Amino acid sequence: MQWGKRGQVFNLDISLIKISNVKIEDLTPLGSKKVVSIIIVNYNGLQVLPDCLNSIYKQTYQDYEVILVDNASNDSSISWVRQNFPAVKLILNQANLGFAKACNQGLSLAAGKYLAFLNYDTIVDKDWLTPLIKTAEESADIGACMPKLLLLGQERPLINSSGGVIHFLGVSWAGNYDQPDNGRFEQKKEIAFASGAAMLVKKEVITKIGGFDEDFYMYCEDTDLSWRMRLAGYRVIFVPRSVVWHKYNFSKGKQKLYLIERNRLSMFLTNYKWKTIALLAFPALIFEFSMMVYALSGGWFRLKIKGYGDIIRDRKKLKAKRAAVGRLRKISDQKVADIFVDEIDFSAVNSIFIRIINIFLKFYWRFVYRFIK
C-alpha cells in the first residue's frame, strides 16, 4: 500500500535494493522462518541496550530473531552489539529517520509471523512472549497485544501503562501511569491502543493496514496504528501476564509537545469520517484555542503554529491517507469510539484548567455520541 508521490507513508513494498542510505548486515536467509521477529530501534543506546538484549536472550521462548534498526548512533552501541550479540541482525541508517520509519524498515525485513516492537530502554520478563502469542492466537480478529508495562528502577512496582487510552479528541496517554501495581491490573481486556514501547502485532495485520505513519517521525505513531487497526476490524488486547519493565520518564520538551500536537491533529483529521469531525468541531476548536494559550505560556507557540502549517502543507497527502483509511474501514466511528474516553485523565498532566474543560467535554460527548455513525 503506497500513499503519496514520495511513497514514504504506509508503504511496505520495500526490497533490499529500494532501501537507500542504509547498511544491512546479517540478514535472515531467504526462506528462513521465525515465529517472532523482535524489532528494536536504537539511537545512542549504549547505556540501556545491553540490559535489554541480555533480558531478551534469557527468555524462555526461543523461536525468534532480533532485528536492531540503528538511527545513526554516534556512541559505540553498534560495535558493542556486534561483539556481544553477533546473532542480532542490523539495519544501519546514515541519518536519524525517526521511530516510525525505522520500525517500518525492521518490519519490511522481518521473517516472523509475529512482530514484537520493543524500546531499547526496556527489560523483558523471561516469560513475556508466550502469553502474548497465546492471546494473539485466540482469535483471528486480534491484531495486536500489549504486555503490562512497569516503570523500571522503582522501589515498588509502579505502572507505566496498563493499556493506551484515547480521548475522543485524539489525546492519548499511558493508562494508569504511576499507579501501584497492587493487583488491580491483572485482567485481560481490550484497549484503545498498544504502546510502541512493547507490543506484539500480527505481521499480516500491520502489513494490511500499512505500517506506522512515517510522517509522525515519533510520538502518537502507536496510537494511530492501533486506531487504524481497530477501524479495520481488529482488536487490541492488554495481556497482564506478560510483563516488561520500561525506563520511562514523562517529559514536556517543546519539540515533543509540537510533535504530539501535530500528530494528534493529523490522526483526528485522518481517521474520523467527515461527519464525525463536523460533530466534534465545536469542542475541537475550543481545545485548539486552549492548547494555543498553553503553548504561548509554555514558550512553544511558534511550534504549535508550525504544526498547523505542516497539516496545511501536507493536505494532499492527508487526503490520500483518508482515502486509504476509508478502504480499510470495516466498522463505524461509533464502534471504534466505544472504547474512547470523555475526559483527559493523565496523572502527569494535571491542572485546574484540565479539570474545568473536562466538565464541558464529558457533557458534550454524552450528547453527541448518539449521532456518530
Protein backbone atom coordinates (compact mmCIF):
# COMPACT_ATOMS: atom_id res chain seq x y z
CA MET A 1 0.00 0.00 0.00
CA GLN A 2 1.52 3.30 -1.04
CA TRP A 3 0.32 6.78 -0.22
CA GLY A 4 1.53 9.93 -1.92
CA LYS A 5 4.13 10.50 -4.59
CA ARG A 6 7.05 10.13 -2.22
CA GLY A 7 5.91 6.65 -1.19
CA GLN A 8 7.15 7.14 2.36
CA VAL A 9 3.96 6.70 4.30
CA PHE A 10 2.39 3.29 4.85
CA ASN A 11 4.48 1.74 2.07
CA LEU A 12 5.70 -1.72 2.97
CA ASP A 13 6.73 -2.84 -0.52
CA ILE A 14 10.38 -2.35 0.39
CA SER A 15 13.02 -4.60 -1.13
CA LEU A 16 16.64 -4.64 -0.08
CA ILE A 17 17.56 -2.67 -3.19
CA LYS A 18 14.99 0.05 -2.57
CA ILE A 19 16.24 0.91 0.91
CA SER A 20 18.72 3.71 0.25
CA ASN A 21 21.37 5.13 2.57
CA VAL A 22 21.12 2.01 4.73
CA LYS A 23 23.63 -0.67 5.55
CA ILE A 24 22.09 -4.07 6.20
CA GLU A 25 24.01 -6.80 7.98
CA ASP A 26 23.37 -10.44 8.90
CA LEU A 27 20.01 -10.81 7.21
CA THR A 28 17.98 -13.95 7.71
CA PRO A 29 18.48 -16.15 4.63
CA LEU A 30 15.60 -16.17 2.18
CA GLY A 31 13.03 -18.76 3.17
CA SER A 32 14.09 -18.91 6.80
CA LYS A 33 11.10 -18.52 9.11
CA LYS A 34 10.75 -17.50 12.71
CA VAL A 35 7.59 -17.23 14.75
CA VAL A 36 8.56 -13.86 16.22
CA SER A 37 10.73 -11.04 14.92
CA ILE A 38 11.75 -8.69 17.75
CA ILE A 39 12.35 -5.21 16.34
CA ILE A 40 14.30 -2.63 18.33
CA VAL A 41 15.06 0.93 17.21
CA ASN A 42 18.33 2.23 18.65
CA TYR A 43 19.79 5.71 18.96
CA ASN A 44 22.88 6.09 21.15
CA GLY A 45 21.56 3.39 23.43
CA LEU A 46 24.79 2.04 24.91
CA GLN A 47 23.70 2.82 28.49
CA VAL A 48 20.45 0.82 28.29
CA LEU A 49 20.65 -1.50 25.27
CA PRO A 50 22.83 -4.16 26.97
CA ASP A 51 20.22 -4.77 29.68
CA CYS A 52 17.50 -5.00 27.03
CA LEU A 53 19.33 -7.54 24.85
CA ASN A 54 20.52 -9.57 27.83
CA SER A 55 16.94 -9.95 29.03
CA ILE A 56 15.73 -10.95 25.54
CA TYR A 57 18.31 -13.69 25.18
CA LYS A 58 17.48 -15.09 28.64
CA GLN A 59 13.80 -15.56 27.85
CA THR A 60 12.16 -18.98 27.82
CA TYR A 61 10.60 -18.62 24.35
CA GLN A 62 13.23 -19.43 21.75
CA ASP A 63 11.74 -19.25 18.24
CA TYR A 64 12.64 -15.64 17.47
CA GLU A 65 15.06 -13.34 15.70
CA VAL A 66 16.23 -9.89 16.80
CA ILE A 67 16.42 -7.01 14.32
CA LEU A 68 18.09 -3.84 15.53
CA VAL A 69 17.50 -0.70 13.45
CA ASP A 70 20.06 1.95 14.30
CA ASN A 71 19.30 5.62 13.60
CA ALA A 72 22.86 6.84 13.04
CA SER A 73 24.14 6.41 16.59
CA ASN A 74 27.45 8.09 17.35
CA ASP A 75 28.20 6.12 20.50
CA SER A 76 29.69 2.63 20.49
CA SER A 77 26.40 0.78 20.87
CA ILE A 78 26.60 -0.95 17.49
CA SER A 79 30.16 -2.15 17.98
CA TRP A 80 29.08 -3.46 21.39
CA VAL A 81 26.20 -5.39 19.79
CA ARG A 82 28.49 -6.86 17.13
CA GLN A 83 30.90 -8.06 19.78
CA ASN A 84 28.41 -9.38 22.33
CA PHE A 85 25.34 -10.41 20.29
CA PRO A 86 26.50 -11.37 16.79
CA ALA A 87 23.15 -13.08 16.10
CA VAL A 88 21.38 -9.70 16.08
CA LYS A 89 20.52 -8.56 12.56
CA LEU A 90 21.47 -4.94 11.97
CA ILE A 91 19.97 -2.22 9.80
CA LEU A 92 22.22 0.83 9.98
CA ASN A 93 20.79 4.16 8.87
CA GLN A 94 23.09 7.01 7.93
CA ALA A 95 20.70 9.55 9.49
CA ASN A 96 18.14 9.59 12.28
CA LEU A 97 14.98 8.68 10.37
CA GLY A 98 12.72 8.66 13.42
CA PHE A 99 10.99 5.84 15.27
CA ALA A 100 8.14 5.21 12.82
CA LYS A 101 10.26 4.79 9.68
CA ALA A 102 12.85 2.69 11.49
CA CYS A 103 10.10 0.35 12.72
CA ASN A 104 8.83 0.01 9.15
CA GLN A 105 12.34 -0.85 7.98
CA GLY A 106 12.54 -3.64 10.53
CA LEU A 107 9.05 -4.79 9.60
CA SER A 108 9.85 -4.95 5.90
CA LEU A 109 12.75 -7.36 6.51
CA ALA A 110 11.25 -9.42 9.34
CA ALA A 111 10.80 -13.16 8.88
CA GLY A 112 8.39 -13.68 11.76
CA LYS A 113 4.67 -14.35 11.73
CA TYR A 114 4.50 -12.03 14.73
CA LEU A 115 6.42 -8.81 15.25
CA ALA A 116 7.40 -7.68 18.75
CA PHE A 117 8.32 -3.99 18.86
CA LEU A 118 10.45 -3.07 21.87
CA ASN A 119 12.03 0.15 23.05
CA TYR A 120 15.74 -0.18 23.70
CA ASP A 121 15.26 1.05 27.29
CA THR A 122 13.08 -1.92 28.28
CA ILE A 123 13.83 -5.14 30.14
CA VAL A 124 11.58 -8.11 29.43
CA ASP A 125 10.43 -10.79 31.83
CA LYS A 126 11.76 -14.22 30.91
CA ASP A 127 8.21 -15.41 30.07
CA TRP A 128 6.92 -12.23 28.39
CA LEU A 129 6.43 -13.57 24.84
CA THR A 130 4.40 -16.73 25.45
CA PRO A 131 1.26 -15.05 26.91
CA LEU A 132 1.27 -12.51 24.08
CA ILE A 133 1.49 -15.19 21.38
CA LYS A 134 -1.17 -17.36 23.03
CA THR A 135 -3.53 -14.38 23.22
CA ALA A 136 -2.87 -13.39 19.60
CA GLU A 137 -3.73 -16.93 18.51
CA GLU A 138 -7.05 -16.97 20.37
CA SER A 139 -8.92 -15.18 17.59
CA ALA A 140 -8.41 -14.01 14.01
CA ASP A 141 -9.72 -10.55 14.90
CA ILE A 142 -6.94 -9.86 17.43
CA GLY A 143 -4.43 -7.65 15.68
CA ALA A 144 -2.10 -6.63 18.50
CA CYS A 145 -1.32 -7.44 22.12
CA MET A 146 0.41 -5.39 24.78
CA PRO A 147 2.14 -6.55 27.97
CA LYS A 148 1.86 -4.87 31.33
CA LEU A 149 4.47 -2.11 31.32
CA LEU A 150 6.10 -1.38 34.67
CA LEU A 151 8.36 1.56 35.49
CA LEU A 152 11.96 0.43 35.73
CA GLY A 153 14.08 1.41 38.72
CA GLN A 154 11.32 1.97 41.27
CA GLU A 155 11.44 0.77 44.88
CA ARG A 156 7.95 -0.68 44.46
CA PRO A 157 6.25 -1.83 41.24
CA LEU A 158 4.56 1.09 39.51
CA ILE A 159 2.55 1.00 36.29
CA ASN A 160 3.98 2.63 33.19
CA SER A 161 0.93 1.56 31.18
CA SER A 162 -1.90 -0.93 31.59
CA GLY A 163 -3.10 -0.17 28.06
CA GLY A 164 -3.19 3.00 25.99
CA VAL A 165 -6.11 5.41 26.46
CA ILE A 166 -7.54 7.66 23.72
CA HIS A 167 -9.75 10.68 24.31
CA PHE A 168 -12.37 11.36 21.64
CA LEU A 169 -10.38 14.45 20.53
CA GLY A 170 -7.34 12.27 19.83
CA VAL A 171 -5.39 12.99 23.02
CA SER A 172 -3.76 9.76 24.17
CA TRP A 173 -1.76 8.60 27.17
CA ALA A 174 -0.50 5.63 29.13
CA GLY A 175 -3.28 4.10 31.17
CA ASN A 176 -2.89 4.16 34.99
CA TYR A 177 0.56 5.71 34.73
CA ASP A 178 2.47 5.85 38.04
CA GLN A 179 -0.16 3.79 39.88
CA PRO A 180 0.98 0.98 42.22
CA ASP A 181 0.89 -2.47 40.67
CA ASN A 182 -1.17 -3.84 43.55
CA GLY A 183 -3.25 -6.49 41.81
CA ARG A 184 -5.79 -4.15 40.20
CA PHE A 185 -4.35 -4.59 36.72
CA GLU A 186 -4.48 -8.34 36.20
CA GLN A 187 -7.46 -8.61 33.85
CA LYS A 188 -7.01 -9.23 30.15
CA LYS A 189 -9.03 -6.61 28.28
CA GLU A 190 -9.49 -4.76 25.01
CA ILE A 191 -7.67 -1.43 24.93
CA ALA A 192 -7.66 1.62 22.67
CA PHE A 193 -4.01 1.31 21.66
CA ALA A 194 -0.87 -0.68 22.36
CA SER A 195 2.26 1.17 23.42
CA GLY A 196 5.12 1.22 20.95
CA ALA A 197 7.45 0.63 23.90
CA ALA A 198 6.36 -3.03 23.94
CA MET A 199 3.76 -4.69 21.77
CA LEU A 200 3.20 -7.79 19.66
CA VAL A 201 1.40 -7.48 16.32
CA LYS A 202 0.47 -9.94 13.62
CA LYS A 203 2.62 -9.25 10.59
CA GLU A 204 -0.25 -9.83 8.16
CA VAL A 205 -2.39 -7.28 10.02
CA ILE A 206 0.18 -4.49 10.27
CA THR A 207 1.10 -5.04 6.63
CA LYS A 208 -2.57 -4.86 5.64
CA ILE A 209 -3.10 -1.52 7.38
CA GLY A 210 0.15 -0.08 6.04
CA GLY A 211 2.55 0.01 8.98
CA PHE A 212 3.46 3.07 11.00
CA ASP A 213 2.82 6.55 9.62
CA GLU A 214 6.34 7.74 8.86
CA ASP A 215 5.23 11.37 8.74
CA PHE A 216 4.75 11.20 12.51
CA TYR A 217 8.53 10.70 12.99
CA MET A 218 7.86 9.89 16.65
CA TYR A 219 5.03 10.21 19.22
CA CYS A 220 1.43 9.05 18.62
CA GLU A 221 2.53 6.66 15.88
CA ASP A 222 1.47 3.74 18.09
CA THR A 223 -1.88 5.41 18.83
CA ASP A 224 -2.53 5.93 15.14
CA LEU A 225 -1.51 2.38 14.26
CA SER A 226 -3.96 0.87 16.77
CA TRP A 227 -6.72 3.28 15.71
CA ARG A 228 -6.41 2.16 12.08
CA MET A 229 -6.14 -1.44 13.19
CA ARG A 230 -9.43 -1.14 15.05
CA LEU A 231 -11.08 0.61 12.09
CA ALA A 232 -10.06 -2.39 10.00
CA GLY A 233 -11.97 -4.66 12.39
CA TYR A 234 -9.19 -5.89 14.67
CA ARG A 235 -8.98 -5.77 18.45
CA VAL A 236 -6.03 -4.67 20.58
CA ILE A 237 -5.63 -6.63 23.81
CA PHE A 238 -3.85 -5.91 27.12
CA VAL A 239 -2.18 -9.08 28.46
CA PRO A 240 -1.11 -8.58 32.10
CA ARG A 241 0.55 -11.99 32.41
CA SER A 242 3.23 -10.63 30.10
CA VAL A 243 5.48 -8.14 31.90
CA VAL A 244 8.03 -5.65 30.56
CA TRP A 245 9.91 -3.02 32.54
CA HIS A 246 10.45 0.40 30.93
CA LYS A 247 12.90 3.14 31.84
CA TYR A 248 10.32 5.87 31.26
CA ASN A 249 10.13 9.45 32.46
CA PHE A 250 7.39 11.73 31.16
CA SER A 251 8.88 14.99 29.89
CA LYS A 252 7.37 18.13 28.38
CA GLY A 253 10.05 19.28 25.95
CA LYS A 254 8.92 21.86 23.39
CA GLN A 255 9.80 19.69 20.39
CA LYS A 256 7.95 16.74 21.94
CA LEU A 257 4.82 18.84 22.57
CA TYR A 258 4.93 20.15 19.00
CA LEU A 259 5.13 16.63 17.53
CA ILE A 260 2.44 15.26 19.84
CA GLU A 261 0.02 18.06 18.97
CA ARG A 262 0.71 17.94 15.24
CA ASN A 263 0.36 14.17 15.12
CA ARG A 264 -2.79 14.20 17.26
CA LEU A 265 -4.42 16.62 14.84
CA SER A 266 -3.31 14.51 11.89
CA MET A 267 -4.95 11.43 13.45
CA PHE A 268 -8.13 13.34 14.18
CA LEU A 269 -8.41 14.56 10.58
CA THR A 270 -7.42 11.24 9.02
CA ASN A 271 -9.17 8.53 10.99
CA TYR A 272 -12.60 10.06 11.63
CA LYS A 273 -15.29 10.38 8.98
CA TRP A 274 -16.05 13.96 7.89
CA LYS A 275 -19.43 13.78 9.60
CA THR A 276 -17.80 12.83 12.88
CA ILE A 277 -15.29 15.67 12.51
CA ALA A 278 -18.17 18.09 11.94
CA LEU A 279 -19.95 16.82 15.07
CA LEU A 280 -16.76 17.25 17.10
CA ALA A 281 -15.71 20.56 15.55
CA PHE A 282 -17.00 22.74 18.40
CA PRO A 283 -15.11 21.05 21.27
CA ALA A 284 -12.12 20.52 18.98
CA LEU A 285 -11.89 24.26 18.25
CA ILE A 286 -12.20 25.10 21.94
CA PHE A 287 -9.46 22.60 22.73
CA GLU A 288 -7.22 24.01 19.98
CA PHE A 289 -7.64 27.52 21.34
CA SER A 290 -6.83 26.24 24.83
CA MET A 291 -3.71 24.48 23.54
CA MET A 292 -2.57 27.67 21.83
CA VAL A 293 -2.88 29.53 25.13
CA TYR A 294 -0.95 26.72 26.83
CA ALA A 295 1.71 26.84 24.10
CA LEU A 296 2.01 30.61 24.45
CA SER A 297 2.51 30.34 28.21
CA GLY A 298 4.97 27.47 27.73
CA GLY A 299 7.11 29.18 25.12
CA TRP A 300 6.32 26.86 22.20
CA PHE A 301 3.56 28.87 20.49
CA ARG A 302 5.54 29.12 17.22
CA LEU A 303 5.93 25.36 17.18
CA LYS A 304 2.19 24.94 17.72
CA ILE A 305 1.54 27.22 14.72
CA LYS A 306 4.17 25.28 12.77
CA GLY A 307 2.12 22.15 13.38
CA TYR A 308 -0.86 23.76 11.66
CA GLY A 309 1.42 24.72 8.80
CA ASP A 310 2.60 21.13 8.48
CA ILE A 311 -1.00 19.93 8.21
CA ILE A 312 -1.86 22.55 5.57
CA ARG A 313 1.30 21.85 3.57
CA ASP A 314 0.60 18.12 3.52
CA ARG A 315 -3.13 18.43 2.83
CA LYS A 316 -2.90 16.39 -0.38
CA LYS A 317 -1.16 13.60 1.48
CA LEU A 318 -3.76 13.88 4.23
CA LYS A 319 -6.48 13.45 1.62
CA ALA A 320 -4.75 10.32 0.31
CA LYS A 321 -4.46 8.96 3.84
CA ARG A 322 -8.18 9.50 4.43
CA ALA A 323 -8.95 7.60 1.24
CA ALA A 324 -6.72 4.70 2.30
CA VAL A 325 -8.34 4.59 5.75
CA GLY A 326 -11.72 4.57 4.05
CA ARG A 327 -10.72 1.49 2.09
CA LEU A 328 -9.58 -0.22 5.29
CA ARG A 329 -12.68 0.68 7.29
CA LYS A 330 -14.80 -2.24 8.44
CA ILE A 331 -16.53 -0.69 11.44
CA SER A 332 -18.10 2.66 12.28
CA ASP A 333 -16.60 5.58 14.17
CA GLN A 334 -19.11 4.94 16.93
CA LYS A 335 -17.91 1.36 17.32
CA VAL A 336 -14.29 2.49 17.49
CA ALA A 337 -15.23 5.28 19.90
CA ASP A 338 -16.92 2.81 22.25
CA ILE A 339 -13.57 2.45 23.97
CA PHE A 340 -12.58 6.15 23.83
CA VAL A 341 -12.91 8.24 26.98
CA ASP A 342 -14.66 11.56 27.56
CA GLU A 343 -12.21 13.21 29.95
CA ILE A 344 -8.47 13.79 29.98
CA ASP A 345 -7.12 11.90 32.99
CA PHE A 346 -3.34 11.56 32.88
CA SER A 347 -1.61 11.96 36.23
CA ALA A 348 1.48 13.58 34.70
CA VAL A 349 -0.67 16.40 33.24
CA ASN A 350 -2.99 17.56 35.97
CA SER A 351 -4.23 21.15 36.30
CA ILE A 352 -7.30 23.17 37.19
CA PHE A 353 -7.66 24.03 33.52
CA ILE A 354 -7.90 20.34 32.57
CA ARG A 355 -10.46 19.67 35.29
CA ILE A 356 -12.63 22.56 34.10
CA ILE A 357 -12.53 21.68 30.41
CA ASN A 358 -13.25 18.03 31.26
CA ILE A 359 -16.67 19.02 32.59
CA PHE A 360 -17.60 20.51 29.22
CA LEU A 361 -16.08 17.66 27.21
CA LYS A 362 -17.93 14.97 29.19
CA PHE A 363 -21.32 16.60 28.73
CA TYR A 364 -20.70 17.28 25.03
CA TRP A 365 -19.58 13.72 24.33
CA ARG A 366 -22.61 12.23 26.05
CA PHE A 367 -24.85 14.37 23.88
CA VAL A 368 -23.13 13.93 20.53
CA TYR A 369 -22.16 10.23 20.78
CA ARG A 370 -25.61 9.04 19.67
CA PHE A 371 -25.25 10.88 16.36
CA ILE A 372 -21.88 9.39 15.41
CA LYS A 373 -22.05 6.66 12.80
